[in-house]
PDB file of N, CA and C in Angstrom:
ATOM      1  N   MET A   1     -29.073  -7.473 -16.674  1.00  0.00           N
ATOM      2  CA  MET A   1     -28.333  -8.417 -17.460  1.00  0.00           C
ATOM      3  C   MET A   1     -27.765  -9.553 -16.924  1.00  0.00           C
ATOM      4  N   ALA A   2     -26.803  -9.354 -15.912  1.00  0.00           N
ATOM      5  CA  ALA A   2     -26.340 -10.539 -15.315  1.00  0.00           C
ATOM      6  C   ALA A   2     -27.427 -11.308 -14.600  1.00  0.00           C
ATOM      7  N   THR A   3     -28.067 -10.983 -13.892  1.00  0.00           N
ATOM      8  CA  THR A   3     -29.216 -11.714 -13.689  1.00  0.00           C
ATOM      9  C   THR A   3     -29.767 -12.755 -14.568  1.00  0.00           C
ATOM     10  N   LYS A   4     -30.122 -12.312 -15.932  1.00  0.00           N
ATOM     11  CA  LYS A   4     -30.702 -13.138 -16.894  1.00  0.00           C
ATOM     12  C   LYS A   4     -29.776 -14.242 -17.356  1.00  0.00           C
ATOM     13  N   THR A   5     -28.230 -13.840 -17.422  1.00  0.00           N
ATOM     14  CA  THR A   5     -27.436 -14.744 -17.675  1.00  0.00           C
ATOM     15  C   THR A   5     -27.605 -15.647 -16.702  1.00  0.00           C
ATOM     16  N   THR A   6     -27.483 -15.431 -15.302  1.00  0.00           N
ATOM     17  CA  THR A   6     -27.186 -16.495 -14.197  1.00  0.00           C
ATOM     18  C   THR A   6     -28.698 -17.114 -14.229  1.00  0.00           C
ATOM     19  N   LYS A   7     -29.686 -16.705 -14.359  1.00  0.00           N
ATOM     20  CA  LYS A   7     -30.984 -17.402 -14.460  1.00  0.00           C
ATOM     21  C   LYS A   7     -30.678 -18.371 -15.726  1.00  0.00           C
ATOM     22  N   THR A   8     -30.218 -18.260 -16.653  1.00  0.00           N
ATOM     23  CA  THR A   8     -30.151 -19.305 -18.014  1.00  0.00           C
ATOM     24  C   THR A   8     -29.252 -20.230 -17.965  1.00  0.00           C
ATOM     25  N   GLU A   9     -28.177 -19.866 -17.201  1.00  0.00           N
ATOM     26  CA  GLU A   9     -27.204 -20.803 -16.790  1.00  0.00           C
ATOM     27  C   GLU A   9     -27.766 -21.782 -15.887  1.00  0.00           C
ATOM     28  N   ARG A  10     -28.423 -21.656 -14.925  1.00  0.00           N
ATOM     29  CA  ARG A  10     -29.187 -22.150 -13.703  1.00  0.00           C
ATOM     30  C   ARG A  10     -29.941 -23.017 -14.368  1.00  0.00           C
ATOM     31  N   ASP A  11     -31.062 -22.443 -15.608  1.00  0.00           N
ATOM     32  CA  ASP A  11     -31.868 -23.425 -16.278  1.00  0.00           C
ATOM     33  C   ASP A  11     -31.032 -24.445 -17.003  1.00  0.00           C
ATOM     34  N   GLY A  12     -29.701 -24.162 -17.605  1.00  0.00           N
ATOM     35  CA  GLY A  12     -29.050 -25.201 -18.262  1.00  0.00           C
ATOM     36  C   GLY A  12     -28.349 -26.213 -17.330  1.00  0.00           C
ATOM     37  N   LEU A  13     -28.105 -26.139 -16.216  1.00  0.00           N
ATOM     38  CA  LEU A  13     -27.776 -27.054 -15.261  1.00  0.00           C
ATOM     39  C   LEU A  13     -28.930 -27.625 -14.617  1.00  0.00           C
ATOM     40  N   ALA A  14     -30.145 -26.950 -14.668  1.00  0.00           N
ATOM     41  CA  ALA A  14     -31.201 -27.985 -13.977  1.00  0.00           C
ATOM     42  C   ALA A  14     -31.692 -28.674 -15.146  1.00  0.00           C
ATOM     43  N   VAL A  15     -31.671 -28.715 -16.349  1.00  0.00           N
ATOM     44  CA  VAL A  15     -31.964 -29.140 -17.545  1.00  0.00           C
ATOM     45  C   VAL A  15     -30.986 -30.531 -17.438  1.00  0.00           C
ATOM     46  N   THR A  16     -29.829 -30.183 -17.558  1.00  0.00           N
ATOM     47  CA  THR A  16     -28.656 -31.328 -17.925  1.00  0.00           C
ATOM     48  C   THR A  16     -29.025 -32.093 -16.481  1.00  0.00           C
ATOM     49  N   ALA A  17     -29.299 -31.575 -15.106  1.00  0.00           N
ATOM     50  CA  ALA A  17     -29.598 -32.714 -13.989  1.00  0.00           C
ATOM     51  C   ALA A  17     -30.836 -33.377 -14.537  1.00  0.00           C
ATOM     52  N   GLY A  18     -31.943 -32.780 -14.966  1.00  0.00           N
ATOM     53  CA  GLY A  18     -33.073 -33.530 -15.754  1.00  0.00           C
ATOM     54  C   GLY A  18     -32.827 -34.853 -16.442  1.00  0.00           C
ATOM     55  N   VAL A  19     -31.723 -34.594 -17.439  1.00  0.00           N
ATOM     56  CA  VAL A  19     -31.371 -35.236 -18.083  1.00  0.00           C
ATOM     57  C   VAL A  19     -30.879 -36.476 -17.349  1.00  0.00           C
ATOM     58  N   THR A  20     -29.592 -36.071 -16.654  1.00  0.00           N
ATOM     59  CA  THR A  20     -28.874 -37.115 -15.884  1.00  0.00           C
ATOM     60  C   THR A  20     -30.136 -38.205 -15.278  1.00  0.00           C
ATOM     61  N   LEU A  21     -31.170 -37.733 -14.401  1.00  0.00           N
ATOM     62  CA  LEU A  21     -31.851 -38.383 -14.140  1.00  0.00           C
ATOM     63  C   LEU A  21     -32.736 -39.311 -14.994  1.00  0.00           C
ATOM     64  N   LEU A  22     -33.209 -38.642 -15.780  1.00  0.00           N
ATOM     65  CA  LEU A  22     -33.672 -39.667 -16.870  1.00  0.00           C
ATOM     66  C   LEU A  22     -32.979 -40.806 -17.922  1.00  0.00           C
ATOM     67  N   LEU A  23     -31.819 -40.192 -17.579  1.00  0.00           N
ATOM     68  CA  LEU A  23     -31.017 -41.372 -18.562  1.00  0.00           C
ATOM     69  C   LEU A  23     -30.568 -42.571 -17.466  1.00  0.00           C
ATOM     70  N   ASN A  24     -30.437 -42.129 -16.094  1.00  0.00           N
ATOM     71  CA  ASN A  24     -30.497 -43.029 -15.316  1.00  0.00           C
ATOM     72  C   ASN A  24     -31.399 -43.830 -14.811  1.00  0.00           C
ATOM     73  N   ALA A  25     -32.660 -43.560 -15.068  1.00  0.00           N
ATOM     74  CA  ALA A  25     -33.838 -43.968 -15.165  1.00  0.00           C
ATOM     75  C   ALA A  25     -34.033 -44.901 -16.126  1.00  0.00           C
ATOM     76  N   ALA A  26     -33.692 -44.618 -17.245  1.00  0.00           N
ATOM     77  CA  ALA A  26     -33.868 -45.671 -18.385  1.00  0.00           C
ATOM     78  C   ALA A  26     -33.043 -46.787 -18.280  1.00  0.00           C
ATOM     79  N   ALA A  27     -31.844 -46.540 -17.975  1.00  0.00           N
ATOM     80  CA  ALA A  27     -30.829 -47.532 -17.692  1.00  0.00           C
ATOM     81  C   ALA A  27     -31.253 -48.607 -16.657  1.00  0.00           C
ATOM     82  N   ASP A  28     -31.845 -47.952 -15.444  1.00  0.00           N
ATOM     83  CA  ASP A  28     -32.164 -48.768 -14.555  1.00  0.00           C
ATOM     84  C   ASP A  28     -33.681 -49.623 -14.932  1.00  0.00           C
ATOM     85  N   ARG A  29     -34.409 -48.938 -15.550  1.00  0.00           N
ATOM     86  CA  ARG A  29     -35.694 -49.876 -16.287  1.00  0.00           C
ATOM     87  C   ARG A  29     -35.360 -50.938 -17.274  1.00  0.00           C
ATOM     88  N   CYS A  30     -34.131 -50.886 -17.834  1.00  0.00           N
ATOM     89  CA  CYS A  30     -33.606 -51.803 -18.989  1.00  0.00           C
ATOM     90  C   CYS A  30     -33.063 -52.799 -17.930  1.00  0.00           C
ATOM     91  N   LEU A  31     -32.521 -52.735 -17.016  1.00  0.00           N
ATOM     92  CA  LEU A  31     -31.857 -53.848 -16.082  1.00  0.00           C
ATOM     93  C   LEU A  31     -33.444 -54.504 -15.208  1.00  0.00           C
ATOM     94  N   SER A  32     -34.211 -53.728 -15.022  1.00  0.00           N
ATOM     95  CA  SER A  32     -35.206 -54.581 -14.437  1.00  0.00           C
ATOM     96  C   SER A  32     -36.169 -55.200 -15.406  1.00  0.00           C
ATOM     97  N   ILE A  33     -36.328 -54.888 -16.534  1.00  0.00           N
ATOM     98  CA  ILE A  33     -37.015 -55.539 -17.784  1.00  0.00           C
ATOM     99  C   ILE A  33     -36.153 -56.984 -17.836  1.00  0.00           C
ATOM    100  N   LEU A  34     -34.904 -56.710 -18.148  1.00  0.00           N
ATOM    101  CA  LEU A  34     -33.898 -57.763 -18.325  1.00  0.00           C
ATOM    102  C   LEU A  34     -33.780 -59.096 -17.131  1.00  0.00           C
ATOM    103  N   ALA A  35     -34.290 -58.612 -15.813  1.00  0.00           N
ATOM    104  CA  ALA A  35     -34.269 -59.366 -14.757  1.00  0.00           C
ATOM    105  C   ALA A  35     -35.476 -59.998 -14.694  1.00  0.00           C
ATOM    106  N   THR A  36     -36.420 -59.792 -15.425  1.00  0.00           N
ATOM    107  CA  THR A  36     -37.934 -60.336 -15.183  1.00  0.00           C
ATOM    108  C   THR A  36     -37.945 -61.833 -15.530  1.00  0.00           C
ATOM    109  N   ASP A  37     -38.825 -62.578 -14.930  1.00  0.00           N
ATOM    110  CA  ASP A  37     -39.179 -63.820 -15.238  1.00  0.00           C
ATOM    111  C   ASP A  37     -40.399 -64.133 -15.820  1.00  0.00           C
ATOM    112  N   PRO A  38     -40.707 -64.533 -16.883  1.00  0.00           N
ATOM    113  CA  PRO A  38     -39.735 -64.899 -17.904  1.00  0.00           C
ATOM    114  C   PRO A  38     -38.719 -63.901 -18.594  1.00  0.00           C
ATOM    115  N   ALA A  39     -37.614 -64.118 -18.711  1.00  0.00           N
ATOM    116  CA  ALA A  39     -36.737 -62.880 -19.319  1.00  0.00           C
ATOM    117  C   ALA A  39     -36.985 -62.899 -20.701  1.00  0.00           C
ATOM    118  N   PRO A  40     -36.969 -61.355 -21.187  1.00  0.00           N
ATOM    119  CA  PRO A  40     -37.088 -61.521 -22.907  1.00  0.00           C
ATOM    120  C   PRO A  40     -36.526 -62.298 -23.804  1.00  0.00           C
ATOM    121  N   ALA A  41     -37.095 -62.157 -24.813  1.00  0.00           N
ATOM    122  CA  ALA A  41     -36.481 -63.106 -26.067  1.00  0.00           C
ATOM    123  C   ALA A  41     -34.546 -62.546 -26.263  1.00  0.00           C
ATOM    124  N   LEU A  42     -34.048 -63.596 -26.768  1.00  0.00           N
ATOM    125  CA  LEU A  42     -32.657 -63.259 -26.862  1.00  0.00           C
ATOM    126  C   LEU A  42     -32.338 -61.747 -27.440  1.00  0.00           C
ATOM    127  N   GLU A  43     -33.407 -61.561 -28.459  1.00  0.00           N
ATOM    128  CA  GLU A  43     -32.815 -60.327 -29.435  1.00  0.00           C
ATOM    129  C   GLU A  43     -33.390 -59.190 -28.582  1.00  0.00           C
ATOM    130  N   ASP A  44     -34.412 -59.406 -28.045  1.00  0.00           N
ATOM    131  CA  ASP A  44     -35.209 -58.203 -27.102  1.00  0.00           C
ATOM    132  C   ASP A  44     -33.818 -58.049 -25.997  1.00  0.00           C
ATOM    133  N   SER A  45     -33.577 -59.078 -25.399  1.00  0.00           N
ATOM    134  CA  SER A  45     -32.128 -58.882 -24.378  1.00  0.00           C
ATOM    135  C   SER A  45     -31.434 -58.166 -24.906  1.00  0.00           C
ATOM    136  N   PHE A  46     -30.664 -58.496 -26.086  1.00  0.00           N
ATOM    137  CA  PHE A  46     -29.670 -57.568 -26.674  1.00  0.00           C
ATOM    138  C   PHE A  46     -29.922 -56.191 -27.027  1.00  0.00           C
ATOM    139  N   ALA A  47     -31.181 -55.980 -27.395  1.00  0.00           N
ATOM    140  CA  ALA A  47     -31.266 -54.590 -27.621  1.00  0.00           C
ATOM    141  C   ALA A  47     -31.518 -53.859 -26.641  1.00  0.00           C
ATOM    142  N   LEU A  48     -32.224 -54.478 -25.208  1.00  0.00           N
ATOM    143  CA  LEU A  48     -32.473 -53.597 -23.966  1.00  0.00           C
ATOM    144  C   LEU A  48     -30.999 -53.623 -23.356  1.00  0.00           C
ATOM    145  N   SER A  49     -30.039 -54.354 -23.749  1.00  0.00           N
ATOM    146  CA  SER A  49     -28.891 -54.317 -23.067  1.00  0.00           C
ATOM    147  C   SER A  49     -28.190 -53.424 -23.478  1.00  0.00           C
ATOM    148  N   ASP A  50     -28.291 -53.090 -25.150  1.00  0.00           N
ATOM    149  CA  ASP A  50     -27.632 -51.828 -25.613  1.00  0.00           C
ATOM    150  C   ASP A  50     -28.308 -50.581 -25.147  1.00  0.00           C
ATOM    151  N   LEU A  51     -29.133 -50.531 -25.243  1.00  0.00           N
ATOM    152  CA  LEU A  51     -30.173 -49.233 -24.707  1.00  0.00           C
ATOM    153  C   LEU A  51     -29.640 -49.102 -23.466  1.00  0.00           C
ATOM    154  N   GLY A  52     -29.537 -49.710 -22.359  1.00  0.00           N
ATOM    155  CA  GLY A  52     -29.440 -49.619 -21.053  1.00  0.00           C
ATOM    156  C   GLY A  52     -28.023 -49.299 -21.069  1.00  0.00           C
ATOM    157  N   LEU A  53     -27.142 -49.898 -21.550  1.00  0.00           N
ATOM    158  CA  LEU A  53     -25.375 -49.288 -21.744  1.00  0.00           C
ATOM    159  C   LEU A  53     -25.333 -47.801 -22.118  1.00  0.00           C
ATOM    160  N   GLY A  54     -26.290 -47.880 -23.261  1.00  0.00           N
ATOM    161  CA  GLY A  54     -26.018 -46.394 -23.899  1.00  0.00           C
ATOM    162  C   GLY A  54     -26.420 -45.370 -23.084  1.00  0.00           C
ATOM    163  N   ALA A  55     -27.814 -45.590 -22.693  1.00  0.00           N
ATOM    164  CA  ALA A  55     -28.030 -44.602 -21.615  1.00  0.00           C
ATOM    165  C   ALA A  55     -27.432 -44.604 -20.259  1.00  0.00           C
ATOM    166  N   GLN A  56     -26.623 -45.673 -19.830  1.00  0.00           N
ATOM    167  CA  GLN A  56     -25.639 -45.575 -18.729  1.00  0.00           C
ATOM    168  C   GLN A  56     -24.703 -44.415 -19.204  1.00  0.00           C
ATOM    169  N   LEU A  57     -24.199 -44.655 -20.221  1.00  0.00           N
ATOM    170  CA  LEU A  57     -22.801 -44.040 -20.317  1.00  0.00           C
ATOM    171  C   LEU A  57     -23.223 -42.620 -20.965  1.00  0.00           C
ATOM    172  N   ALA A  58     -24.376 -42.185 -21.692  1.00  0.00           N
ATOM    173  CA  ALA A  58     -24.967 -40.746 -21.788  1.00  0.00           C
ATOM    174  C   ALA A  58     -25.199 -40.313 -20.366  1.00  0.00           C
ATOM    175  N   GLY A  59     -25.714 -41.000 -19.220  1.00  0.00           N
ATOM    176  CA  GLY A  59     -26.238 -40.617 -18.030  1.00  0.00           C
ATOM    177  C   GLY A  59     -24.774 -39.896 -17.351  1.00  0.00           C
ATOM    178  N   HIS A  60     -23.679 -40.920 -17.441  1.00  0.00           N
ATOM    179  CA  HIS A  60     -22.389 -40.496 -16.742  1.00  0.00           C
ATOM    180  C   HIS A  60     -21.897 -39.056 -17.412  1.00  0.00           C
ATOM    181  N   LEU A  61     -22.120 -39.145 -18.916  1.00  0.00           N
ATOM    182  CA  LEU A  61     -21.531 -37.952 -19.654  1.00  0.00           C
ATOM    183  C   LEU A  61     -22.184 -36.338 -18.944  1.00  0.00           C
ATOM    184  N   ALA A  62     -23.396 -36.983 -19.013  1.00  0.00           N
ATOM    185  CA  ALA A  62     -24.342 -35.669 -18.680  1.00  0.00           C
ATOM    186  C   ALA A  62     -23.887 -35.201 -17.184  1.00  0.00           C
ATOM    187  N   ARG A  63     -23.835 -36.188 -16.494  1.00  0.00           N
ATOM    188  CA  ARG A  63     -23.459 -35.834 -14.884  1.00  0.00           C
ATOM    189  C   ARG A  63     -21.900 -35.361 -14.625  1.00  0.00           C
ATOM    190  N   ASP A  64     -21.343 -35.756 -15.762  1.00  0.00           N
ATOM    191  CA  ASP A  64     -19.695 -35.166 -15.556  1.00  0.00           C
ATOM    192  C   ASP A  64     -19.855 -33.830 -16.110  1.00  0.00           C
ATOM    193  N   LEU A  65     -20.785 -33.610 -16.652  1.00  0.00           N
ATOM    194  CA  LEU A  65     -20.861 -31.883 -17.179  1.00  0.00           C
ATOM    195  C   LEU A  65     -21.287 -31.037 -16.182  1.00  0.00           C
ATOM    196  N   LEU A  66     -21.906 -31.728 -15.030  1.00  0.00           N
ATOM    197  CA  LEU A  66     -22.479 -30.577 -13.745  1.00  0.00           C
ATOM    198  C   LEU A  66     -21.342 -30.433 -12.895  1.00  0.00           C
ATOM    199  N   PRO A  67     -21.483 -29.285 -12.248  1.00  0.00           N
ATOM    200  CA  PRO A  67     -20.563 -29.103 -10.978  1.00  0.00           C
ATOM    201  C   PRO A  67     -20.934 -30.112  -9.829  1.00  0.00           C
ATOM    202  N   ALA A  68     -19.738 -30.487  -9.059  1.00  0.00           N
ATOM    203  CA  ALA A  68     -19.818 -31.383  -8.131  1.00  0.00           C
ATOM    204  C   ALA A  68     -20.923 -31.298  -7.227  1.00  0.00           C
ATOM    205  N   ASP A  69     -21.204 -29.961  -6.984  1.00  0.00           N
ATOM    206  CA  ASP A  69     -22.073 -29.850  -5.660  1.00  0.00           C
ATOM    207  C   ASP A  69     -23.389 -29.666  -6.270  1.00  0.00           C
ATOM    208  N   VAL A  70     -23.838 -29.784  -7.410  1.00  0.00           N
ATOM    209  CA  VAL A  70     -25.207 -29.948  -8.009  1.00  0.00           C
ATOM    210  C   VAL A  70     -25.865 -31.455  -7.431  1.00  0.00           C
ATOM    211  N   GLU A  71     -27.038 -31.067  -6.669  1.00  0.00           N
ATOM    212  CA  GLU A  71     -28.006 -32.079  -6.168  1.00  0.00           C
ATOM    213  C   GLU A  71     -28.746 -32.768  -7.109  1.00  0.00           C
ATOM    214  N   LEU A  72     -28.543 -33.901  -7.547  1.00  0.00           N
ATOM    215  CA  LEU A  72     -29.534 -34.512  -8.613  1.00  0.00           C
ATOM    216  C   LEU A  72     -31.125 -34.699  -8.225  1.00  0.00           C
ATOM    217  N   GLY A  73     -31.254 -34.674  -6.939  1.00  0.00           N
ATOM    218  CA  GLY A  73     -32.766 -35.228  -6.295  1.00  0.00           C
ATOM    219  C   GLY A  73     -33.077 -36.876  -6.961  1.00  0.00           C
ATOM    220  N   SER A  74     -34.420 -37.160  -6.574  1.00  0.00           N
ATOM    221  CA  SER A  74     -34.790 -38.276  -7.143  1.00  0.00           C
ATOM    222  C   SER A  74     -35.609 -38.258  -8.322  1.00  0.00           C
ATOM    223  N   PRO A  75     -35.435 -39.302  -9.152  1.00  0.00           N
ATOM    224  CA  PRO A  75     -36.093 -39.538 -10.229  1.00  0.00           C
ATOM    225  C   PRO A  75     -37.413 -39.823 -10.150  1.00  0.00           C
ATOM    226  N   ARG A  76     -38.162 -39.162 -11.006  1.00  0.00           N
ATOM    227  CA  ARG A  76     -39.816 -39.251 -11.030  1.00  0.00           C
ATOM    228  C   ARG A  76     -40.345 -39.495 -12.398  1.00  0.00           C
ATOM    229  N   PRO A  77     -39.623 -40.404 -13.285  1.00  0.00           N
ATOM    230  CA  PRO A  77     -40.489 -40.457 -14.450  1.00  0.00           C
ATOM    231  C   PRO A  77     -41.668 -40.694 -14.567  1.00  0.00           C
ATOM    232  N   HIS A  78     -42.521 -40.287 -15.351  1.00  0.00           N
ATOM    233  CA  HIS A  78     -43.592 -40.960 -15.458  1.00  0.00           C
ATOM    234  C   HIS A  78     -43.909 -41.950 -16.857  1.00  0.00           C
ATOM    235  N   GLN A  79     -42.740 -42.403 -17.085  1.00  0.00           N
ATOM    236  CA  GLN A  79     -42.796 -43.468 -18.341  1.00  0.00           C
ATOM    237  C   GLN A  79     -41.999 -44.570 -17.738  1.00  0.00           C
ATOM    238  N   ASP A  80     -42.343 -45.947 -18.232  1.00  0.00           N
ATOM    239  CA  ASP A  80     -42.050 -47.149 -17.898  1.00  0.00           C
ATOM    240  C   ASP A  80     -40.992 -47.611 -18.979  1.00  0.00           C
ATOM    241  N   ASP A  81     -41.407 -47.150 -20.222  1.00  0.00           N
ATOM    242  CA  ASP A  81     -40.677 -47.403 -21.217  1.00  0.00           C
ATOM    243  C   ASP A  81     -39.319 -46.886 -21.388  1.00  0.00           C
ATOM    244  N   PRO A  82     -38.365 -47.516 -21.483  1.00  0.00           N
ATOM    245  CA  PRO A  82     -36.851 -46.851 -21.233  1.00  0.00           C
ATOM    246  C   PRO A  82     -36.277 -46.297 -22.504  1.00  0.00           C
ATOM    247  N   LEU A  83     -37.023 -46.619 -23.659  1.00  0.00           N
ATOM    248  CA  LEU A  83     -36.763 -46.101 -25.025  1.00  0.00           C
ATOM    249  C   LEU A  83     -37.278 -44.430 -24.817  1.00  0.00           C
ATOM    250  N   GLU A  84     -38.627 -44.299 -24.337  1.00  0.00           N
ATOM    251  CA  GLU A  84     -39.604 -43.095 -24.218  1.00  0.00           C
ATOM    252  C   GLU A  84     -38.422 -42.398 -22.951  1.00  0.00           C
ATOM    253  N   LEU A  85     -37.906 -42.922 -22.183  1.00  0.00           N
ATOM    254  CA  LEU A  85     -37.245 -42.100 -20.991  1.00  0.00           C
ATOM    255  C   LEU A  85     -36.149 -41.390 -21.634  1.00  0.00           C
ATOM    256  N   VAL A  86     -35.457 -42.113 -22.560  1.00  0.00           N
ATOM    257  CA  VAL A  86     -34.278 -41.437 -23.515  1.00  0.00           C
ATOM    258  C   VAL A  86     -34.778 -40.341 -24.367  1.00  0.00           C
ATOM    259  N   ARG A  87     -36.033 -40.707 -25.205  1.00  0.00           N
ATOM    260  CA  ARG A  87     -36.655 -39.630 -25.891  1.00  0.00           C
ATOM    261  C   ARG A  87     -37.028 -38.552 -24.971  1.00  0.00           C
ATOM    262  N   ALA A  88     -37.535 -38.528 -23.770  1.00  0.00           N
ATOM    263  CA  ALA A  88     -37.812 -37.474 -22.772  1.00  0.00           C
ATOM    264  C   ALA A  88     -36.595 -36.745 -22.561  1.00  0.00           C
ATOM    265  N   ALA A  89     -35.189 -37.546 -22.548  1.00  0.00           N
ATOM    266  CA  ALA A  89     -33.942 -36.719 -21.985  1.00  0.00           C
ATOM    267  C   ALA A  89     -33.435 -35.984 -23.214  1.00  0.00           C
ATOM    268  N   GLU A  90     -33.775 -36.518 -24.498  1.00  0.00           N
ATOM    269  CA  GLU A  90     -33.274 -35.715 -25.545  1.00  0.00           C
ATOM    270  C   GLU A  90     -34.300 -34.479 -25.794  1.00  0.00           C
ATOM    271  N   ALA A  91     -35.575 -34.426 -25.524  1.00  0.00           N
ATOM    272  CA  ALA A  91     -36.410 -33.878 -25.721  1.00  0.00           C
ATOM    273  C   ALA A  91     -36.161 -32.613 -24.749  1.00  0.00           C
ATOM    274  N   LEU A  92     -35.626 -32.642 -23.533  1.00  0.00           N
ATOM    275  CA  LEU A  92     -35.401 -31.964 -22.408  1.00  0.00           C
ATOM    276  C   LEU A  92     -34.583 -31.046 -22.718  1.00  0.00           C
ATOM    277  N   THR A  93     -33.385 -31.616 -23.548  1.00  0.00           N
ATOM    278  CA  THR A  93     -32.210 -30.662 -24.034  1.00  0.00           C
ATOM    279  C   THR A  93     -32.509 -29.846 -25.038  1.00  0.00           C
ATOM    280  N   ARG A  94     -33.775 -29.825 -25.488  1.00  0.00           N
ATOM    281  CA  ARG A  94     -34.502 -28.810 -26.672  1.00  0.00           C
ATOM    282  C   ARG A  94     -35.149 -27.601 -26.034  1.00  0.00           C
ATOM    283  N   THR A  95     -35.147 -27.819 -24.729  1.00  0.00           N
ATOM    284  CA  THR A  95     -35.926 -26.765 -24.019  1.00  0.00           C
ATOM    285  C   THR A  95     -35.301 -25.251 -23.621  1.00  0.00           C
ATOM    286  N   VAL A  96     -33.972 -25.546 -23.769  1.00  0.00           N
ATOM    287  CA  VAL A  96     -33.211 -24.329 -23.270  1.00  0.00           C
ATOM    288  C   VAL A  96     -32.349 -23.993 -24.845  1.00  0.00           C
ATOM    289  N   PRO A  97     -31.796 -22.976 -24.985  1.00  0.00           N
ATOM    290  CA  PRO A  97     -30.777 -22.572 -26.073  1.00  0.00           C
ATOM    291  C   PRO A  97     -29.487 -23.446 -25.483  1.00  0.00           C
ATOM    292  N   ILE A  98     -28.916 -24.100 -26.458  1.00  0.00           N
ATOM    293  CA  ILE A  98     -27.578 -24.800 -26.325  1.00  0.00           C
ATOM    294  C   ILE A  98     -26.562 -24.314 -25.397  1.00  0.00           C
ATOM    295  N   GLU A  99     -26.416 -22.635 -25.634  1.00  0.00           N
ATOM    296  CA  GLU A  99     -25.298 -21.776 -25.080  1.00  0.00           C
ATOM    297  C   GLU A  99     -25.679 -21.975 -23.616  1.00  0.00           C
ATOM    298  N   THR A 100     -26.821 -22.401 -23.164  1.00  0.00           N
ATOM    299  CA  THR A 100     -27.313 -22.103 -21.531  1.00  0.00           C
ATOM    300  C   THR A 100     -26.486 -23.481 -20.985  1.00  0.00           C
ATOM    301  N   LEU A 101     -26.657 -24.505 -21.828  1.00  0.00           N
ATOM    302  CA  LEU A 101     -26.096 -26.076 -21.202  1.00  0.00           C
ATOM    303  C   LEU A 101     -24.663 -25.659 -20.853  1.00  0.00           C
ATOM    304  N   PRO A 102     -24.095 -26.570 -19.973  1.00  0.00           N
ATOM    305  CA  PRO A 102     -22.593 -26.465 -19.670  1.00  0.00           C
ATOM    306  C   PRO A 102     -21.778 -26.892 -20.933  1.00  0.00           C
ATOM    307  N   ALA A 103     -20.784 -26.218 -20.740  1.00  0.00           N
ATOM    308  CA  ALA A 103     -19.822 -26.386 -21.749  1.00  0.00           C
ATOM    309  C   ALA A 103     -19.381 -28.095 -22.077  1.00  0.00           C
ATOM    310  N   GLY A 104     -19.791 -28.369 -23.471  1.00  0.00           N
ATOM    311  CA  GLY A 104     -19.356 -29.662 -23.642  1.00  0.00           C
ATOM    312  C   GLY A 104     -20.678 -30.670 -23.964  1.00  0.00           C
ATOM    313  N   SER A 105     -21.783 -29.962 -23.640  1.00  0.00           N
ATOM    314  CA  SER A 105     -23.125 -30.530 -23.737  1.00  0.00           C
ATOM    315  C   SER A 105     -23.438 -31.054 -25.136  1.00  0.00           C
ATOM    316  N   SER A 106     -22.831 -30.307 -26.309  1.00  0.00           N
ATOM    317  CA  SER A 106     -23.237 -30.983 -27.451  1.00  0.00           C
ATOM    318  C   SER A 106     -22.501 -32.278 -27.729  1.00  0.00           C
ATOM    319  N   HIS A 107     -21.764 -32.637 -26.911  1.00  0.00           N
ATOM    320  CA  HIS A 107     -21.223 -34.158 -27.147  1.00  0.00           C
ATOM    321  C   HIS A 107     -22.704 -35.113 -26.470  1.00  0.00           C
ATOM    322  N   LEU A 108     -23.260 -34.493 -25.166  1.00  0.00           N
ATOM    323  CA  LEU A 108     -24.230 -35.217 -25.031  1.00  0.00           C
ATOM    324  C   LEU A 108     -25.685 -35.306 -25.496  1.00  0.00           C
ATOM    325  N   VAL A 109     -25.961 -34.108 -26.730  1.00  0.00           N
ATOM    326  CA  VAL A 109     -26.790 -34.205 -27.533  1.00  0.00           C
ATOM    327  C   VAL A 109     -26.649 -35.268 -28.588  1.00  0.00           C
ATOM    328  N   VAL A 110     -25.366 -35.205 -28.931  1.00  0.00           N
ATOM    329  CA  VAL A 110     -25.254 -35.967 -30.176  1.00  0.00           C
ATOM    330  C   VAL A 110     -25.343 -37.810 -29.777  1.00  0.00           C
ATOM    331  N   ALA A 111     -24.665 -37.826 -28.518  1.00  0.00           N
ATOM    332  CA  ALA A 111     -24.897 -39.041 -27.992  1.00  0.00           C
ATOM    333  C   ALA A 111     -26.336 -39.503 -27.845  1.00  0.00           C
ATOM    334  N   LEU A 112     -27.043 -38.587 -27.213  1.00  0.00           N
ATOM    335  CA  LEU A 112     -28.623 -39.427 -27.081  1.00  0.00           C
ATOM    336  C   LEU A 112     -29.299 -39.266 -28.582  1.00  0.00           C
ATOM    337  N   CYS A 113     -28.956 -38.215 -29.524  1.00  0.00           N
ATOM    338  CA  CYS A 113     -29.499 -38.630 -31.007  1.00  0.00           C
ATOM    339  C   CYS A 113     -28.838 -39.861 -31.517  1.00  0.00           C
ATOM    340  N   ASP A 114     -27.804 -40.069 -31.109  1.00  0.00           N
ATOM    341  CA  ASP A 114     -27.068 -41.447 -31.851  1.00  0.00           C
ATOM    342  C   ASP A 114     -27.748 -42.715 -31.049  1.00  0.00           C
ATOM    343  N   LEU A 115     -28.202 -42.596 -30.022  1.00  0.00           N
ATOM    344  CA  LEU A 115     -28.631 -43.694 -29.078  1.00  0.00           C
ATOM    345  C   LEU A 115     -30.367 -43.832 -29.708  1.00  0.00           C
ATOM    346  N   LEU A 116     -30.951 -42.719 -29.779  1.00  0.00           N
ATOM    347  CA  LEU A 116     -32.203 -42.932 -30.307  1.00  0.00           C
ATOM    348  C   LEU A 116     -32.270 -43.351 -31.868  1.00  0.00           C
ATOM    349  N   ARG A 117     -31.585 -43.047 -32.695  1.00  0.00           N
ATOM    350  CA  ARG A 117     -31.393 -43.275 -34.089  1.00  0.00           C
ATOM    351  C   ARG A 117     -31.133 -44.774 -34.122  1.00  0.00           C
ATOM    352  N   GLU A 118     -30.223 -45.385 -33.060  1.00  0.00           N
ATOM    353  CA  GLU A 118     -29.628 -46.806 -33.295  1.00  0.00           C
ATOM    354  C   GLU A 118     -31.148 -47.699 -32.633  1.00  0.00           C
ATOM    355  N   HIS A 119     -31.712 -46.966 -31.909  1.00  0.00           N
ATOM    356  CA  HIS A 119     -32.983 -47.645 -31.260  1.00  0.00           C
ATOM    357  C   HIS A 119     -34.449 -47.743 -31.773  1.00  0.00           C
ATOM    358  N   SER A 120     -34.556 -46.822 -32.933  1.00  0.00           N
ATOM    359  CA  SER A 120     -35.708 -46.290 -33.039  1.00  0.00           C
ATOM    360  C   SER A 120     -36.288 -47.386 -34.475  1.00  0.00           C
TER     361      SER A 120
END
């Protein structure tokens, strides 16, 4: 039984690391879009800036839930749309029971849901 608990805790850490990578990729993608020439329209720029900041803050929250020795690896998102990356991060949190995620993860889930609600 201890092996199963360890495995689920490991799964929770892997999910949280994946969420961190997706959110970092979303924030980076927002910055990339904002840096294009020609720049997006003003309203789109504000929305992208808000989404990027929200993704960055949620990404830091996710990273802070992980032990310092957890390696994140390199992101390999299959999506260019930053909003889809945030959606993928939220969906990833639903792949394991909330109890297997690190303590405090409910704040991360709420932050992701709020971010999606604000930008959908």
